[in-house]
């Protein structure tokens, strides 16, 4: 089931409309009578299940937050990219 809401009404009753979306309803947002956006219930990205499977099997871990990167920095040979860009601009 879809519900239609104007921008002002959406701003004033955002919590109400978010509860509706959590129930599985879509909200069509209008601005001056024209539909400009639709809020739909979030769906999990297909890769999330693959990542959960890796974590369950012990092949990967994630404690939330931003990845910290490799324990050893990658060694790159050659000029820094910034120097190459500056040379190309000349």
Protein backbone atom coordinates (compact mmCIF):
# COMPACT_ATOMS: atom_id res chain seq x y z
CA UNK A 1 0.00 0.00 0.00
CA UNK A 2 1.35 3.44 -0.91
CA UNK A 3 0.74 6.67 0.99
CA UNK A 4 1.15 10.14 -0.49
CA UNK A 5 2.66 12.98 1.58
CA UNK A 6 3.69 16.51 0.77
CA UNK A 7 7.16 17.72 1.75
CA UNK A 8 5.86 19.95 4.56
CA UNK A 9 3.68 17.17 5.97
CA UNK A 10 6.60 14.72 5.76
CA UNK A 11 8.84 17.11 7.71
CA UNK A 12 6.18 17.70 10.35
CA UNK A 13 5.27 14.02 10.79
CA UNK A 14 8.52 12.24 9.89
CA UNK A 15 8.35 9.77 12.79
CA UNK A 16 4.82 8.77 11.78
CA UNK A 17 5.83 8.13 8.18
CA UNK A 18 8.94 6.18 9.21
CA UNK A 19 6.74 3.90 11.32
CA UNK A 20 4.60 3.32 8.23
CA UNK A 21 7.67 2.43 6.17
CA UNK A 22 8.81 -0.01 8.89
CA UNK A 23 5.43 -1.73 8.49
CA UNK A 24 6.24 -2.28 4.80
CA UNK A 25 4.38 0.64 3.27
CA UNK A 26 5.84 2.97 0.63
CA UNK A 27 5.51 6.76 0.96
CA UNK A 28 5.31 8.86 -2.21
CA UNK A 29 6.63 12.39 -1.57
CA UNK A 30 5.11 15.28 -3.51
CA UNK A 31 6.24 18.84 -4.03
CA UNK A 32 3.63 21.21 -5.40
CA UNK A 33 1.52 18.26 -6.47
CA UNK A 34 4.25 16.39 -8.37
CA UNK A 35 5.85 13.19 -7.12
CA UNK A 36 9.55 13.85 -6.45
CA UNK A 37 10.59 10.83 -4.37
CA UNK A 38 9.48 7.57 -2.85
CA UNK A 39 10.49 6.20 0.53
CA UNK A 40 10.49 2.42 0.53
CA UNK A 41 11.41 -0.12 3.21
CA UNK A 42 15.14 -0.84 3.29
CA UNK A 43 16.36 -4.10 1.90
CA UNK A 44 19.57 -5.78 2.85
CA UNK A 45 22.24 -5.79 0.16
CA UNK A 46 22.69 -9.29 -1.36
CA UNK A 47 26.36 -9.39 -0.35
CA UNK A 48 25.53 -8.99 3.34
CA UNK A 49 24.44 -12.63 3.64
CA UNK A 50 27.72 -13.75 2.03
CA UNK A 51 29.67 -11.69 4.55
CA UNK A 52 27.66 -13.09 7.46
CA UNK A 53 28.40 -16.60 6.18
CA UNK A 54 32.15 -15.83 6.13
CA UNK A 55 31.98 -14.53 9.69
CA UNK A 56 30.07 -17.62 10.90
CA UNK A 57 32.62 -19.93 9.28
CA UNK A 58 35.50 -18.09 10.98
CA UNK A 59 37.07 -16.91 7.71
CA UNK A 60 36.30 -13.27 8.39
CA UNK A 61 35.50 -10.99 11.29
CA UNK A 62 34.01 -7.54 11.68
CA UNK A 63 33.26 -5.68 14.87
CA UNK A 64 31.51 -2.79 13.18
CA UNK A 65 33.15 0.49 12.41
CA UNK A 66 35.55 1.50 9.69
CA UNK A 67 38.20 -0.99 8.50
CA UNK A 68 41.67 -0.14 9.78
CA UNK A 69 43.56 -1.39 6.75
CA UNK A 70 46.44 -3.79 6.39
CA UNK A 71 48.92 -4.38 9.18
CA UNK A 72 51.75 -3.80 6.69
CA UNK A 73 51.53 -0.84 4.31
CA UNK A 74 51.66 -1.57 0.59
CA UNK A 75 55.00 -0.72 -1.01
CA UNK A 76 54.59 1.09 -4.31
CA UNK A 77 57.46 1.76 -6.71
CA UNK A 78 57.65 4.81 -8.91
CA UNK A 79 56.63 8.44 -8.57
CA UNK A 80 53.83 9.54 -6.28
CA UNK A 81 50.52 10.09 -8.10
CA UNK A 82 50.50 13.76 -7.12
CA UNK A 83 53.82 14.33 -8.93
CA UNK A 84 52.55 12.57 -12.05
CA UNK A 85 49.41 14.72 -12.09
CA UNK A 86 51.46 17.89 -11.76
CA UNK A 87 53.71 16.82 -14.63
CA UNK A 88 50.69 16.10 -16.86
CA UNK A 89 49.28 19.57 -16.19
CA UNK A 90 52.40 21.28 -17.51
